[in-house]
Each structure stands twice: as structure tokens, then as C-alpha cells.
Amino acid sequence: MDTTQDSSRIDQLSEVFRYVKIVSNERGNPTKLEIYETFTSFTEVRNQSADGLSNLIVSSIKQKGLNIQKLLGQGYDSAAVMN
């Protein structure tokens, strides 16, 4: 996830989820891992504080029906507000 301003100067959060699919053989034994990245949405950011961004992210995860206990976050680009 990352934020940037669009042409109308509205700050938006872009959401991209990376996930792994475990492929199994007919016996149920894992044979390979497939890695996917999926863009899901742009969301307007009204509160750029750490609390505002984390609430927006958690809300998005819940809306998508994802189990937050199975997720791992990654931070890049000097995400100072999240440190």
C-alpha cells in the first residue's frame, strides 16, 4: 500500500496484495508455491497520521474478508509515519 496525490490533489492509498498459493499433488503434498500480486483499489486518505492510515488499512482488510491473523505487512520507501 502506498499513498500519492491524484490529478485533483486528493491523496489516495493504492492497495496491492501479494499472496502465495500452495499447489499440492493428488496426495495432498505440497509440490510448488505460486506467488501473485493483485491490485485491489485506490482509497481516499483523509487522515495521514499513523492511526489514520492503520485504521484505513485494517478496515480495508476486514471489508475484503481477509483473516488479519494470516497477514504479514511489509514497509518500504522510508514510511516514516508508520515507524
PDB file of N, CA and C in Angstrom:
ATOM      1  N   MET A   1       0.832  -1.161   0.000  1.00  0.00           N
ATOM      2  CA  MET A   1       0.000   0.000   0.000  1.00  0.00           C
ATOM      3  C   MET A   1       0.881   1.230   0.000  1.00  0.00           C
ATOM      4  N   ASP A   2       0.426   2.240  -0.710  1.00  0.00           N
ATOM      5  CA  ASP A   2       1.183   3.470  -0.817  1.00  0.00           C
ATOM      6  C   ASP A   2       0.200   4.602  -1.048  1.00  0.00           C
ATOM      7  N   THR A   3       0.593   5.815  -0.672  1.00  0.00           N
ATOM      8  CA  THR A   3      -0.267   6.966  -0.922  1.00  0.00           C
ATOM      9  C   THR A   3       0.395   7.902  -1.912  1.00  0.00           C
ATOM     10  N   THR A   4      -0.445   8.542  -2.707  1.00  0.00           N
ATOM     11  CA  THR A   4       0.006   9.555  -3.657  1.00  0.00           C
ATOM     12  C   THR A   4      -1.175  10.443  -4.011  1.00  0.00           C
ATOM     13  N   GLN A   5      -0.887  11.651  -4.474  1.00  0.00           N
ATOM     14  CA  GLN A   5      -1.970  12.548  -4.883  1.00  0.00           C
ATOM     15  C   GLN A   5      -2.340  12.280  -6.333  1.00  0.00           C
ATOM     16  N   ASP A   6      -3.658  12.328  -6.598  1.00  0.00           N
ATOM     17  CA  ASP A   6      -4.106  12.203  -7.982  1.00  0.00           C
ATOM     18  C   ASP A   6      -4.122  13.591  -8.623  1.00  0.00           C
ATOM     19  N   SER A   7      -4.595  13.704  -9.848  1.00  0.00           N
ATOM     20  CA  SER A   7      -4.573  14.974 -10.581  1.00  0.00           C
ATOM     21  C   SER A   7      -5.441  16.050  -9.925  1.00  0.00           C
ATOM     22  N   SER A   8      -6.423  15.653  -9.132  1.00  0.00           N
ATOM     23  CA  SER A   8      -7.268  16.632  -8.431  1.00  0.00           C
ATOM     24  C   SER A   8      -6.733  16.924  -7.032  1.00  0.00           C
ATOM     25  N   ARG A   9      -5.503  16.460  -6.743  1.00  0.00           N
ATOM     26  CA  ARG A   9      -4.795  16.711  -5.490  1.00  0.00           C
ATOM     27  C   ARG A   9      -5.440  16.013  -4.282  1.00  0.00           C
ATOM     28  N   ILE A  10      -6.130  14.917  -4.532  1.00  0.00           N
ATOM     29  CA  ILE A  10      -6.687  14.086  -3.460  1.00  0.00           C
ATOM     30  C   ILE A  10      -5.688  12.977  -3.170  1.00  0.00           C
ATOM     31  N   ASP A  11      -5.282  12.854  -1.905  1.00  0.00           N
ATOM     32  CA  ASP A  11      -4.338  11.808  -1.527  1.00  0.00           C
ATOM     33  C   ASP A  11      -5.052  10.463  -1.526  1.00  0.00           C
ATOM     34  N   GLN A  12      -4.467   9.486  -2.218  1.00  0.00           N
ATOM     35  CA  GLN A  12      -5.087   8.169  -2.339  1.00  0.00           C
ATOM     36  C   GLN A  12      -4.113   7.081  -1.916  1.00  0.00           C
ATOM     37  N   LEU A  13      -4.673   6.062  -1.322  1.00  0.00           N
ATOM     38  CA  LEU A  13      -3.933   4.870  -0.930  1.00  0.00           C
ATOM     39  C   LEU A  13      -4.121   3.831  -2.023  1.00  0.00           C
ATOM     40  N   SER A  14      -3.024   3.329  -2.573  1.00  0.00           N
ATOM     41  CA  SER A  14      -3.131   2.230  -3.534  1.00  0.00           C
ATOM     42  C   SER A  14      -2.861   0.933  -2.783  1.00  0.00           C
ATOM     43  N   GLU A  15      -3.702  -0.043  -3.024  1.00  0.00           N
ATOM     44  CA  GLU A  15      -3.616  -1.316  -2.311  1.00  0.00           C
ATOM     45  C   GLU A  15      -3.226  -2.428  -3.276  1.00  0.00           C
ATOM     46  N   VAL A  16      -2.120  -3.090  -2.953  1.00  0.00           N
ATOM     47  CA  VAL A  16      -1.669  -4.246  -3.709  1.00  0.00           C
ATOM     48  C   VAL A  16      -1.387  -5.355  -2.700  1.00  0.00           C
ATOM     49  N   PHE A  17      -2.004  -6.491  -2.916  1.00  0.00           N
ATOM     50  CA  PHE A  17      -1.814  -7.624  -2.023  1.00  0.00           C
ATOM     51  C   PHE A  17      -0.957  -8.663  -2.724  1.00  0.00           C
ATOM     52  N   ARG A  18       0.072  -9.147  -2.039  1.00  0.00           N
ATOM     53  CA  ARG A  18       0.914 -10.241  -2.520  1.00  0.00           C
ATOM     54  C   ARG A  18       0.536 -11.473  -1.704  1.00  0.00           C
ATOM     55  N   TYR A  19       0.319 -12.575  -2.385  1.00  0.00           N
ATOM     56  CA  TYR A  19      -0.057 -13.793  -1.670  1.00  0.00           C
ATOM     57  C   TYR A  19       0.555 -15.016  -2.335  1.00  0.00           C
ATOM     58  N   VAL A  20       0.575 -16.104  -1.589  1.00  0.00           N
ATOM     59  CA  VAL A  20       1.174 -17.354  -2.040  1.00  0.00           C
ATOM     60  C   VAL A  20       0.090 -18.417  -2.116  1.00  0.00           C
ATOM     61  N   LYS A  21       0.081 -19.138  -3.212  1.00  0.00           N
ATOM     62  CA  LYS A  21      -0.812 -20.285  -3.375  1.00  0.00           C
ATOM     63  C   LYS A  21       0.052 -21.537  -3.299  1.00  0.00           C
ATOM     64  N   ILE A  22      -0.323 -22.460  -2.433  1.00  0.00           N
ATOM     65  CA  ILE A  22       0.395 -23.724  -2.303  1.00  0.00           C
ATOM     66  C   ILE A  22      -0.295 -24.750  -3.202  1.00  0.00           C
ATOM     67  N   VAL A  23       0.448 -25.247  -4.176  1.00  0.00           N
ATOM     68  CA  VAL A  23      -0.082 -26.256  -5.100  1.00  0.00           C
ATOM     69  C   VAL A  23       0.295 -27.629  -4.553  1.00  0.00           C
ATOM     70  N   SER A  24      -0.705 -28.500  -4.458  1.00  0.00           N
ATOM     71  CA  SER A  24      -0.479 -29.841  -3.912  1.00  0.00           C
ATOM     72  C   SER A  24      -0.759 -30.905  -4.961  1.00  0.00           C
ATOM     73  N   ASN A  25      -0.140 -32.061  -4.769  1.00  0.00           N
ATOM     74  CA  ASN A  25      -0.404 -33.185  -5.664  1.00  0.00           C
ATOM     75  C   ASN A  25      -1.663 -33.923  -5.193  1.00  0.00           C
ATOM     76  N   GLU A  26      -1.971 -35.023  -5.869  1.00  0.00           N
ATOM     77  CA  GLU A  26      -3.200 -35.772  -5.547  1.00  0.00           C
ATOM     78  C   GLU A  26      -3.191 -36.351  -4.141  1.00  0.00           C
ATOM     79  N   ARG A  27      -2.030 -36.476  -3.530  1.00  0.00           N
ATOM     80  CA  ARG A  27      -1.932 -36.984  -2.155  1.00  0.00           C
ATOM     81  C   ARG A  27      -2.017 -35.865  -1.113  1.00  0.00           C
ATOM     82  N   GLY A  28      -2.102 -34.644  -1.596  1.00  0.00           N
ATOM     83  CA  GLY A  28      -2.179 -33.509  -0.680  1.00  0.00           C
ATOM     84  C   GLY A  28      -0.828 -32.963  -0.255  1.00  0.00           C
ATOM     85  N   ASN A  29       0.228 -33.482  -0.847  1.00  0.00           N
ATOM     86  CA  ASN A  29       1.571 -33.000  -0.519  1.00  0.00           C
ATOM     87  C   ASN A  29       1.895 -31.768  -1.352  1.00  0.00           C
ATOM     88  N   PRO A  30       2.458 -30.727  -0.722  1.00  0.00           N
ATOM     89  CA  PRO A  30       2.803 -29.525  -1.483  1.00  0.00           C
ATOM     90  C   PRO A  30       3.877 -29.826  -2.529  1.00  0.00           C
ATOM     91  N   THR A  31       3.671 -29.296  -3.739  1.00  0.00           N
ATOM     92  CA  THR A  31       4.635 -29.520  -4.817  1.00  0.00           C
ATOM     93  C   THR A  31       5.302 -28.229  -5.280  1.00  0.00           C
ATOM     94  N   LYS A  32       4.616 -27.110  -5.139  1.00  0.00           N
ATOM     95  CA  LYS A  32       5.227 -25.833  -5.507  1.00  0.00           C
ATOM     96  C   LYS A  32       4.439 -24.674  -4.912  1.00  0.00           C
ATOM     97  N   LEU A  33       5.094 -23.516  -4.905  1.00  0.00           N
ATOM     98  CA  LEU A  33       4.466 -22.277  -4.450  1.00  0.00           C
ATOM     99  C   LEU A  33       4.303 -21.351  -5.642  1.00  0.00           C
ATOM    100  N   GLU A  34       3.142 -20.723  -5.740  1.00  0.00           N
ATOM    101  CA  GLU A  34       2.900 -19.733  -6.784  1.00  0.00           C
ATOM    102  C   GLU A  34       2.678 -18.391  -6.092  1.00  0.00           C
ATOM    103  N   ILE A  35       3.416 -17.373  -6.523  1.00  0.00           N
ATOM    104  CA  ILE A  35       3.333 -16.054  -5.901  1.00  0.00           C
ATOM    105  C   ILE A  35       2.560 -15.127  -6.829  1.00  0.00           C
ATOM    106  N   TYR A  36       1.586 -14.413  -6.255  1.00  0.00           N
ATOM    107  CA  TYR A  36       0.735 -13.498  -7.011  1.00  0.00           C
ATOM    108  C   TYR A  36       0.757 -12.120  -6.364  1.00  0.00           C
ATOM    109  N   GLU A  37       0.559 -11.084  -7.160  1.00  0.00           N
ATOM    110  CA  GLU A  37       0.322  -9.732  -6.676  1.00  0.00           C
ATOM    111  C   GLU A  37      -0.924  -9.215  -7.370  1.00  0.00           C
ATOM    112  N   THR A  38      -1.842  -8.666  -6.574  1.00  0.00           N
ATOM    113  CA  THR A  38      -3.104  -8.199  -7.121  1.00  0.00           C
ATOM    114  C   THR A  38      -3.393  -6.785  -6.640  1.00  0.00           C
ATOM    115  N   PHE A  39      -3.598  -5.871  -7.588  1.00  0.00           N
ATOM    116  CA  PHE A  39      -4.049  -4.520  -7.248  1.00  0.00           C
ATOM    117  C   PHE A  39      -5.521  -4.615  -6.911  1.00  0.00           C
ATOM    118  N   THR A  40      -5.929  -4.018  -5.777  1.00  0.00           N
ATOM    119  CA  THR A  40      -7.329  -4.109  -5.387  1.00  0.00           C
ATOM    120  C   THR A  40      -8.085  -2.791  -5.479  1.00  0.00           C
ATOM    121  N   SER A  41      -7.429  -1.648  -5.156  1.00  0.00           N
ATOM    122  CA  SER A  41      -8.192  -0.403  -5.192  1.00  0.00           C
ATOM    123  C   SER A  41      -7.332   0.825  -4.912  1.00  0.00           C
ATOM    124  N   PHE A  42      -7.921   1.981  -5.201  1.00  0.00           N
ATOM    125  CA  PHE A  42      -7.454   3.271  -4.709  1.00  0.00           C
ATOM    126  C   PHE A  42      -8.480   3.730  -3.679  1.00  0.00           C
ATOM    127  N   THR A  43      -8.021   4.220  -2.539  1.00  0.00           N
ATOM    128  CA  THR A  43      -8.908   4.698  -1.485  1.00  0.00           C
ATOM    129  C   THR A  43      -8.452   6.076  -1.042  1.00  0.00           C
ATOM    130  N   GLU A  44      -9.383   7.014  -0.943  1.00  0.00           N
ATOM    131  CA  GLU A  44      -9.039   8.362  -0.494  1.00  0.00           C
ATOM    132  C   GLU A  44      -8.545   8.330   0.948  1.00  0.00           C
ATOM    133  N   VAL A  45      -7.449   9.046   1.198  1.00  0.00           N
ATOM    134  CA  VAL A  45      -6.875   9.139   2.539  1.00  0.00           C
ATOM    135  C   VAL A  45      -7.221  10.507   3.107  1.00  0.00           C
ATOM    136  N   ARG A  46      -7.957  10.511   4.199  1.00  0.00           N
ATOM    137  CA  ARG A  46      -8.338  11.779   4.827  1.00  0.00           C
ATOM    138  C   ARG A  46      -7.515  12.070   6.068  1.00  0.00           C
ATOM    139  N   ASN A  47      -6.893  11.030   6.632  1.00  0.00           N
ATOM    140  CA  ASN A  47      -6.096  11.188   7.853  1.00  0.00           C
ATOM    141  C   ASN A  47      -4.771  10.469   7.629  1.00  0.00           C
ATOM    142  N   GLN A  48      -3.680  11.242   7.456  1.00  0.00           N
ATOM    143  CA  GLN A  48      -2.380  10.645   7.154  1.00  0.00           C
ATOM    144  C   GLN A  48      -1.546  10.329   8.384  1.00  0.00           C
ATOM    145  N   SER A  49      -2.139  10.434   9.557  1.00  0.00           N
ATOM    146  CA  SER A  49      -1.408  10.048  10.763  1.00  0.00           C
ATOM    147  C   SER A  49      -1.262   8.531  10.795  1.00  0.00           C
ATOM    148  N   ALA A  50      -0.381   8.047  11.658  1.00  0.00           N
ATOM    149  CA  ALA A  50      -0.194   6.597  11.795  1.00  0.00           C
ATOM    150  C   ALA A  50      -1.513   5.926  12.157  1.00  0.00           C
ATOM    151  N   ASP A  51      -2.279   6.507  13.090  1.00  0.00           N
ATOM    152  CA  ASP A  51      -3.575   5.930  13.467  1.00  0.00           C
ATOM    153  C   ASP A  51      -4.548   5.934  12.293  1.00  0.00           C
ATOM    154  N   GLY A  52      -4.577   7.044  11.557  1.00  0.00           N
ATOM    155  CA  GLY A  52      -5.495   7.146  10.424  1.00  0.00           C
ATOM    156  C   GLY A  52      -5.188   6.122   9.351  1.00  0.00           C
ATOM    157  N   LEU A  53      -3.897   5.982   9.008  1.00  0.00           N
ATOM    158  CA  LEU A  53      -3.512   5.014   7.983  1.00  0.00           C
ATOM    159  C   LEU A  53      -3.732   3.581   8.443  1.00  0.00           C
ATOM    160  N   SER A  54      -3.371   3.276   9.687  1.00  0.00           N
ATOM    161  CA  SER A  54      -3.560   1.903  10.161  1.00  0.00           C
ATOM    162  C   SER A  54      -5.041   1.549  10.237  1.00  0.00           C
ATOM    163  N   ASN A  55      -5.884   2.488  10.658  1.00  0.00           N
ATOM    164  CA  ASN A  55      -7.332   2.225  10.681  1.00  0.00           C
ATOM    165  C   ASN A  55      -7.872   1.984   9.281  1.00  0.00           C
ATOM    166  N   LEU A  56      -7.391   2.765   8.308  1.00  0.00           N
ATOM    167  CA  LEU A  56      -7.824   2.596   6.922  1.00  0.00           C
ATOM    168  C   LEU A  56      -7.397   1.226   6.384  1.00  0.00           C
ATOM    169  N   ILE A  57      -6.185   0.830   6.675  1.00  0.00           N
ATOM    170  CA  ILE A  57      -5.671  -0.463   6.215  1.00  0.00           C
ATOM    171  C   ILE A  57      -6.445  -1.622   6.849  1.00  0.00           C
ATOM    172  N   VAL A  58      -6.649  -1.578   8.159  1.00  0.00           N
ATOM    173  CA  VAL A  58      -7.381  -2.646   8.853  1.00  0.00           C
ATOM    174  C   VAL A  58      -8.819  -2.721   8.350  1.00  0.00           C
ATOM    175  N   SER A  59      -9.439  -1.562   8.142  1.00  0.00           N
ATOM    176  CA  SER A  59     -10.811  -1.533   7.628  1.00  0.00           C
ATOM    177  C   SER A  59     -10.884  -2.178   6.248  1.00  0.00           C
ATOM    178  N   SER A  60      -9.920  -1.875   5.388  1.00  0.00           N
ATOM    179  CA  SER A  60      -9.888  -2.451   4.041  1.00  0.00           C
ATOM    180  C   SER A  60      -9.718  -3.970   4.097  1.00  0.00           C
ATOM    181  N   ILE A  61      -8.834  -4.428   4.979  1.00  0.00           N
ATOM    182  CA  ILE A  61      -8.612  -5.871   5.136  1.00  0.00           C
ATOM    183  C   ILE A  61      -9.900  -6.567   5.566  1.00  0.00           C
ATOM    184  N   LYS A  62     -10.599  -5.981   6.530  1.00  0.00           N
ATOM    185  CA  LYS A  62     -11.860  -6.568   7.008  1.00  0.00           C
ATOM    186  C   LYS A  62     -12.927  -6.563   5.918  1.00  0.00           C
ATOM    187  N   GLN A  63     -13.016  -5.465   5.144  1.00  0.00           N
ATOM    188  CA  GLN A  63     -14.011  -5.384   4.070  1.00  0.00           C
ATOM    189  C   GLN A  63     -13.783  -6.460   3.013  1.00  0.00           C
ATOM    190  N   LYS A  64     -12.534  -6.837   2.812  1.00  0.00           N
ATOM    191  CA  LYS A  64     -12.210  -7.854   1.820  1.00  0.00           C
ATOM    192  C   LYS A  64     -12.357  -9.272   2.372  1.00  0.00           C
ATOM    193  N   GLY A  65     -12.690  -9.399   3.648  1.00  0.00           N
ATOM    194  CA  GLY A  65     -12.900 -10.704   4.258  1.00  0.00           C
ATOM    195  C   GLY A  65     -11.623 -11.481   4.496  1.00  0.00           C
ATOM    196  N   LEU A  66     -10.490 -10.769   4.605  1.00  0.00           N
ATOM    197  CA  LEU A  66      -9.213 -11.442   4.834  1.00  0.00           C
ATOM    198  C   LEU A  66      -8.982 -11.663   6.321  1.00  0.00           C
ATOM    199  N   ASN A  67      -8.334 -12.755   6.663  1.00  0.00           N
ATOM    200  CA  ASN A  67      -8.013 -13.067   8.054  1.00  0.00           C
ATOM    201  C   ASN A  67      -6.728 -12.334   8.421  1.00  0.00           C
ATOM    202  N   ILE A  68      -6.846 -11.311   9.239  1.00  0.00           N
ATOM    203  CA  ILE A  68      -5.694 -10.478   9.592  1.00  0.00           C
ATOM    204  C   ILE A  68      -4.616 -11.270  10.332  1.00  0.00           C
ATOM    205  N   GLN A  69      -4.983 -12.371  10.965  1.00  0.00           N
ATOM    206  CA  GLN A  69      -4.018 -13.209  11.674  1.00  0.00           C
ATOM    207  C   GLN A  69      -3.070 -13.939  10.709  1.00  0.00           C
ATOM    208  N   LYS A  70      -3.461 -14.027   9.442  1.00  0.00           N
ATOM    209  CA  LYS A  70      -2.633 -14.724   8.456  1.00  0.00           C
ATOM    210  C   LYS A  70      -1.868 -13.762   7.548  1.00  0.00           C
ATOM    211  N   LEU A  71      -1.890 -12.463   7.875  1.00  0.00           N
ATOM    212  CA  LEU A  71      -1.257 -11.470   7.017  1.00  0.00           C
ATOM    213  C   LEU A  71       0.062 -10.995   7.598  1.00  0.00           C
ATOM    214  N   LEU A  72       0.943 -10.588   6.706  1.00  0.00           N
ATOM    215  CA  LEU A  72       2.240 -10.037   7.076  1.00  0.00           C
ATOM    216  C   LEU A  72       2.408  -8.741   6.314  1.00  0.00           C
ATOM    217  N   GLY A  73       2.745  -7.666   7.011  1.00  0.00           N
ATOM    218  CA  GLY A  73       2.952  -6.382   6.354  1.00  0.00           C
ATOM    219  C   GLY A  73       4.401  -6.160   6.015  1.00  0.00           C
ATOM    220  N   GLN A  74       4.622  -5.397   4.941  1.00  0.00           N
ATOM    221  CA  GLN A  74       5.968  -5.012   4.540  1.00  0.00           C
ATOM    222  C   GLN A  74       5.969  -3.516   4.332  1.00  0.00           C
ATOM    223  N   GLY A  75       7.015  -2.838   4.797  1.00  0.00           N
ATOM    224  CA  GLY A  75       7.118  -1.394   4.620  1.00  0.00           C
ATOM    225  C   GLY A  75       8.343  -1.019   3.810  1.00  0.00           C
ATOM    226  N   TYR A  76       8.174  -0.047   2.915  1.00  0.00           N
ATOM    227  CA  TYR A  76       9.247   0.411   2.048  1.00  0.00           C
ATOM    228  C   TYR A  76       9.214   1.938   1.962  1.00  0.00           C
ATOM    229  N   ASP A  77      10.200   2.494   1.290  1.00  0.00           N
ATOM    230  CA  ASP A  77      10.219   3.904   0.926  1.00  0.00           C
ATOM    231  C   ASP A  77      10.183   4.837   2.137  1.00  0.00           C
ATOM    232  N   SER A  78      10.899   4.483   3.181  1.00  0.00           N
ATOM    233  CA  SER A  78      11.005   5.355   4.364  1.00  0.00           C
ATOM    234  C   SER A  78       9.634   5.750   4.905  1.00  0.00           C
ATOM    235  N   ALA A  79       8.768   4.816   5.107  1.00  0.00           N
ATOM    236  CA  ALA A  79       7.413   5.079   5.594  1.00  0.00           C
ATOM    237  C   ALA A  79       7.487   5.608   7.020  1.00  0.00           C
ATOM    238  N   ALA A  80       7.924   6.839   7.163  1.00  0.00           N
ATOM    239  CA  ALA A  80       8.216   7.427   8.462  1.00  0.00           C
ATOM    240  C   ALA A  80       7.010   7.458   9.390  1.00  0.00           C
ATOM    241  N   VAL A  81       5.825   7.692   8.844  1.00  0.00           N
ATOM    242  CA  VAL A  81       4.661   7.806   9.706  1.00  0.00           C
ATOM    243  C   VAL A  81       4.307   6.467  10.355  1.00  0.00           C
ATOM    244  N   MET A  82       4.763   5.362   9.780  1.00  0.00           N
ATOM    245  CA  MET A  82       4.433   4.040  10.306  1.00  0.00           C
ATOM    246  C   MET A  82       5.539   3.484  11.213  1.00  0.00           C
ATOM    247  N   ASN A  83       6.657   4.196  11.362  1.00  0.00           N
ATOM    248  CA  ASN A  83       7.755   3.701  12.206  1.00  0.00           C
ATOM    249  C   ASN A  83       7.399   3.745  13.669  1.00  0.00           C
TER     250      ASN A  83
END
